[in-house]
Amino acid sequence: MPRLVSCLRCMATAADAAAAAAELQQLLGIPKETEEQLHARLSLLVKQQPVMLFMKGKRDAPFCRFSKAVLQLLQQQGVKQFGTFDVFDDEAVREGLKKFSDWPTYPQLYVNGELVGGLDVLKAMVEDGSFKGALPASAFEDAQ
């Protein structure tokens, strides 16, 4: 019973979800993810949807101006279908994706599992006309 109380206290007092999960994992004695396991998980995450945005914050509540700007850019370009992942929800993903993609900052946009880039790259692609051609046609369709 004391372990359960500790777990509940951890979840109630943690500053964020990632910290709560890490503390809970430690309390329960769950081993940390290996680099290979993390790499496999990241490989699946970047392909979760044809267009995936890894950002700081949620789609309806971006945490930084860069994430907000990418969301606005996607909307302005008519992108309707894309997934998002809040990197603040999972510290292993937040740090691991930087290494996985060799890209040190967020947001990061992936298309069909491949990194396209961050805000500056996306802006340049819009300017040179290559942005829409880099995304699958399904990204511009209404949700079913």
C-alpha atoms as a PDB file:
ATOM      1  CA  MET A   1       0.000   0.000   0.000  1.00  0.00           C
ATOM      2  CA  PRO A   2       2.764   2.569   0.754  1.00  0.00           C
ATOM      3  CA  ARG A   3       4.101   2.091  -2.773  1.00  0.00           C
ATOM      4  CA  LEU A   4       0.692   2.867  -4.257  1.00  0.00           C
ATOM      5  CA  VAL A   5       0.410   5.987  -2.107  1.00  0.00           C
ATOM      6  CA  SER A   6       3.888   7.060  -3.259  1.00  0.00           C
ATOM      7  CA  CYS A   7       2.881   6.548  -6.878  1.00  0.00           C
ATOM      8  CA  LEU A   8      -0.302   8.565  -6.463  1.00  0.00           C
ATOM      9  CA  ARG A   9       1.542  11.337  -4.626  1.00  0.00           C
ATOM     10  CA  CYS A  10       4.113  11.403  -7.429  1.00  0.00           C
ATOM     11  CA  MET A  11       1.424  11.786 -10.062  1.00  0.00           C
ATOM     12  CA  ALA A  12      -0.401  14.487  -8.117  1.00  0.00           C
ATOM     13  CA  THR A  13       2.614  16.663  -7.364  1.00  0.00           C
ATOM     14  CA  ALA A  14       4.772  16.336 -10.475  1.00  0.00           C
ATOM     15  CA  ALA A  15       5.362  19.544 -12.413  1.00  0.00           C
ATOM     16  CA  ASP A  16       4.648  17.876 -15.745  1.00  0.00           C
ATOM     17  CA  ALA A  17       3.576  14.595 -17.287  1.00  0.00           C
ATOM     18  CA  ALA A  18       7.108  13.585 -18.311  1.00  0.00           C
ATOM     19  CA  ALA A  19       8.428  14.083 -14.787  1.00  0.00           C
ATOM     20  CA  ALA A  20       5.508  12.126 -13.337  1.00  0.00           C
ATOM     21  CA  ALA A  21       6.071   9.261 -15.757  1.00  0.00           C
ATOM     22  CA  ALA A  22       9.805   9.137 -15.021  1.00  0.00           C
ATOM     23  CA  GLU A  23       9.244   9.183 -11.273  1.00  0.00           C
ATOM     24  CA  LEU A  24       6.512   6.563 -11.507  1.00  0.00           C
ATOM     25  CA  GLN A  25       8.758   4.379 -13.659  1.00  0.00           C
ATOM     26  CA  GLN A  26      11.485   4.615 -11.024  1.00  0.00           C
ATOM     27  CA  LEU A  27       9.088   3.896  -8.136  1.00  0.00           C
ATOM     28  CA  LEU A  28       7.724   0.819  -9.901  1.00  0.00           C
ATOM     29  CA  GLY A  29      11.196  -0.426 -10.811  1.00  0.00           C
ATOM     30  CA  ILE A  30      10.520  -0.378 -14.546  1.00  0.00           C
ATOM     31  CA  PRO A  31      13.826  -0.433 -16.434  1.00  0.00           C
ATOM     32  CA  LYS A  32      14.732   2.534 -18.613  1.00  0.00           C
ATOM     33  CA  GLU A  33      14.288   2.225 -22.341  1.00  0.00           C
ATOM     34  CA  THR A  34      17.457   1.172 -24.168  1.00  0.00           C
ATOM     35  CA  GLU A  35      18.797   3.280 -27.038  1.00  0.00           C
ATOM     36  CA  GLU A  36      17.686   0.589 -29.474  1.00  0.00           C
ATOM     37  CA  GLN A  37      14.169   0.557 -28.018  1.00  0.00           C
ATOM     38  CA  LEU A  38      13.980   4.343 -28.152  1.00  0.00           C
ATOM     39  CA  HIS A  39      15.209   4.373 -31.762  1.00  0.00           C
ATOM     40  CA  ALA A  40      12.542   1.819 -32.700  1.00  0.00           C
ATOM     41  CA  ARG A  41       9.860   3.865 -30.927  1.00  0.00           C
ATOM     42  CA  LEU A  42      10.995   7.072 -32.651  1.00  0.00           C
ATOM     43  CA  SER A  43      10.952   5.302 -36.025  1.00  0.00           C
ATOM     44  CA  LEU A  44       7.309   4.419 -35.416  1.00  0.00           C
ATOM     45  CA  LEU A  45       6.379   7.843 -34.055  1.00  0.00           C
ATOM     46  CA  VAL A  46       7.686   9.800 -37.051  1.00  0.00           C
ATOM     47  CA  LYS A  47       5.585   7.517 -39.284  1.00  0.00           C
ATOM     48  CA  GLN A  48       2.475   7.601 -37.088  1.00  0.00           C
ATOM     49  CA  GLN A  49       0.781   9.739 -39.744  1.00  0.00           C
ATOM     50  CA  PRO A  50       2.001  10.784 -43.206  1.00  0.00           C
ATOM     51  CA  VAL A  51       2.615  14.304 -41.851  1.00  0.00           C
ATOM     52  CA  MET A  52       3.827  14.537 -38.240  1.00  0.00           C
ATOM     53  CA  LEU A  53       4.728  17.679 -36.326  1.00  0.00           C
ATOM     54  CA  PHE A  54       6.837  17.351 -33.185  1.00  0.00           C
ATOM     55  CA  MET A  55       6.285  20.547 -31.286  1.00  0.00           C
ATOM     56  CA  LYS A  56       6.391  22.253 -27.920  1.00  0.00           C
ATOM     57  CA  GLY A  57       2.827  22.234 -26.670  1.00  0.00           C
ATOM     58  CA  LYS A  58      -0.454  21.011 -28.060  1.00  0.00           C
ATOM     59  CA  ARG A  59      -2.061  21.815 -31.393  1.00  0.00           C
ATOM     60  CA  ASP A  60      -4.649  24.005 -29.666  1.00  0.00           C
ATOM     61  CA  ALA A  61      -2.118  25.454 -27.194  1.00  0.00           C
ATOM     62  CA  PRO A  62       1.388  25.764 -28.669  1.00  0.00           C
ATOM     63  CA  PHE A  63       3.982  26.540 -26.027  1.00  0.00           C
ATOM     64  CA  CYS A  64       6.461  28.522 -28.127  1.00  0.00           C
ATOM     65  CA  ARG A  65       6.193  31.029 -30.953  1.00  0.00           C
ATOM     66  CA  PHE A  66       8.015  28.720 -33.374  1.00  0.00           C
ATOM     67  CA  SER A  67       5.542  25.880 -32.860  1.00  0.00           C
ATOM     68  CA  LYS A  68       2.680  28.360 -33.190  1.00  0.00           C
ATOM     69  CA  ALA A  69       4.192  29.739 -36.411  1.00  0.00           C
ATOM     70  CA  VAL A  70       4.491  26.258 -37.950  1.00  0.00           C
ATOM     71  CA  LEU A  71       0.865  25.515 -37.079  1.00  0.00           C
ATOM     72  CA  GLN A  72      -0.164  28.797 -38.723  1.00  0.00           C
ATOM     73  CA  LEU A  73       1.958  28.011 -41.789  1.00  0.00           C
ATOM     74  CA  LEU A  74       0.331  24.580 -42.144  1.00  0.00           C
ATOM     75  CA  GLN A  75      -3.116  26.155 -41.871  1.00  0.00           C
ATOM     76  CA  GLN A  76      -2.272  28.910 -44.379  1.00  0.00           C
ATOM     77  CA  GLN A  77      -1.011  26.299 -46.833  1.00  0.00           C
ATOM     78  CA  GLY A  78      -4.233  24.310 -46.535  1.00  0.00           C
ATOM     79  CA  VAL A  79      -2.784  21.335 -44.663  1.00  0.00           C
ATOM     80  CA  LYS A  80      -5.701  19.654 -42.908  1.00  0.00           C
ATOM     81  CA  GLN A  81      -4.397  16.197 -42.038  1.00  0.00           C
ATOM     82  CA  PHE A  82      -1.366  15.961 -39.775  1.00  0.00           C
ATOM     83  CA  GLY A  83      -0.474  14.493 -36.440  1.00  0.00           C
ATOM     84  CA  THR A  84       1.193  16.305 -33.591  1.00  0.00           C
ATOM     85  CA  PHE A  85       3.319  15.171 -30.683  1.00  0.00           C
ATOM     86  CA  ASP A  86       4.026  17.390 -27.693  1.00  0.00           C
ATOM     87  CA  VAL A  87       7.703  16.820 -26.895  1.00  0.00           C
ATOM     88  CA  PHE A  88       7.090  18.053 -23.340  1.00  0.00           C
ATOM     89  CA  ASP A  89       5.015  14.906 -22.726  1.00  0.00           C
ATOM     90  CA  ASP A  90       8.002  12.581 -23.107  1.00  0.00           C
ATOM     91  CA  GLU A  91      11.548  13.580 -22.208  1.00  0.00           C
ATOM     92  CA  ALA A  92      13.046  10.528 -23.922  1.00  0.00           C
ATOM     93  CA  VAL A  93      11.354  11.522 -27.189  1.00  0.00           C
ATOM     94  CA  ARG A  94      12.290  15.189 -26.737  1.00  0.00           C
ATOM     95  CA  GLU A  95      15.991  14.394 -26.346  1.00  0.00           C
ATOM     96  CA  GLY A  96      16.096  11.266 -28.498  1.00  0.00           C
ATOM     97  CA  LEU A  97      14.486  12.832 -31.559  1.00  0.00           C
ATOM     98  CA  LYS A  98      17.203  15.498 -31.659  1.00  0.00           C
ATOM     99  CA  LYS A  99      19.801  12.758 -32.060  1.00  0.00           C
ATOM    100  CA  PHE A 100      17.582  10.592 -34.285  1.00  0.00           C
ATOM    101  CA  SER A 101      17.069  13.428 -36.766  1.00  0.00           C
ATOM    102  CA  ASP A 102      20.342  15.279 -36.191  1.00  0.00           C
ATOM    103  CA  TRP A 103      18.195  18.391 -35.712  1.00  0.00           C
ATOM    104  CA  PRO A 104      18.677  20.196 -32.386  1.00  0.00           C
ATOM    105  CA  THR A 105      15.496  22.269 -32.126  1.00  0.00           C
ATOM    106  CA  TYR A 106      11.715  22.062 -32.213  1.00  0.00           C
ATOM    107  CA  PRO A 107       9.362  22.125 -33.991  1.00  0.00           C
ATOM    108  CA  GLN A 108      10.277  19.364 -36.445  1.00  0.00           C
ATOM    109  CA  LEU A 109       8.044  18.378 -39.361  1.00  0.00           C
ATOM    110  CA  TYR A 110       8.218  14.853 -40.792  1.00  0.00           C
ATOM    111  CA  VAL A 111       6.652  13.656 -44.027  1.00  0.00           C
ATOM    112  CA  ASN A 112       6.401   9.907 -44.568  1.00  0.00           C
ATOM    113  CA  GLY A 113       8.902   9.376 -41.762  1.00  0.00           C
ATOM    114  CA  GLU A 114      11.517  11.750 -43.169  1.00  0.00           C
ATOM    115  CA  LEU A 115      12.513  15.022 -41.539  1.00  0.00           C
ATOM    116  CA  VAL A 116      11.581  18.022 -43.658  1.00  0.00           C
ATOM    117  CA  GLY A 117      12.861  20.586 -41.159  1.00  0.00           C
ATOM    118  CA  GLY A 118      11.867  23.320 -38.772  1.00  0.00           C
ATOM    119  CA  LEU A 119      10.218  26.690 -39.214  1.00  0.00           C
ATOM    120  CA  ASP A 120      12.962  28.333 -41.297  1.00  0.00           C
ATOM    121  CA  VAL A 121      13.127  25.407 -43.726  1.00  0.00           C
ATOM    122  CA  LEU A 122       9.343  25.328 -44.079  1.00  0.00           C
ATOM    123  CA  LYS A 123       9.194  29.088 -44.723  1.00  0.00           C
ATOM    124  CA  ALA A 124      11.866  28.752 -47.411  1.00  0.00           C
ATOM    125  CA  MET A 125       9.932  25.904 -49.026  1.00  0.00           C
ATOM    126  CA  VAL A 126       6.755  28.004 -49.102  1.00  0.00           C
ATOM    127  CA  GLU A 127       8.693  30.879 -50.678  1.00  0.00           C
ATOM    128  CA  ASP A 128      10.292  28.721 -53.379  1.00  0.00           C
ATOM    129  CA  GLY A 129       7.050  26.844 -54.082  1.00  0.00           C
ATOM    130  CA  SER A 130       8.272  23.394 -53.051  1.00  0.00           C
ATOM    131  CA  PHE A 131       6.249  23.035 -49.845  1.00  0.00           C
ATOM    132  CA  LYS A 132       2.961  21.683 -51.198  1.00  0.00           C
ATOM    133  CA  GLY A 133       4.731  19.245 -53.497  1.00  0.00           C
ATOM    134  CA  ALA A 134       6.651  17.784 -50.564  1.00  0.00           C
ATOM    135  CA  LEU A 135       3.460  16.702 -48.782  1.00  0.00           C
ATOM    136  CA  PRO A 136       1.132  13.867 -49.769  1.00  0.00           C
ATOM    137  CA  ALA A 137      -2.158  14.874 -51.387  1.00  0.00           C
ATOM    138  CA  SER A 138      -4.005  13.314 -48.439  1.00  0.00           C
ATOM    139  CA  ALA A 139      -2.631  16.056 -46.163  1.00  0.00           C
ATOM    140  CA  PHE A 140      -4.850  18.584 -47.922  1.00  0.00           C
ATOM    141  CA  GLU A 141      -8.073  16.556 -47.715  1.00  0.00           C
ATOM    142  CA  ASP A 142     -10.835  17.029 -45.162  1.00  0.00           C
ATOM    143  CA  ALA A 143     -11.073  14.475 -42.358  1.00  0.00           C
ATOM    144  CA  GLN A 144     -13.267  11.494 -43.112  1.00  0.00           C
END
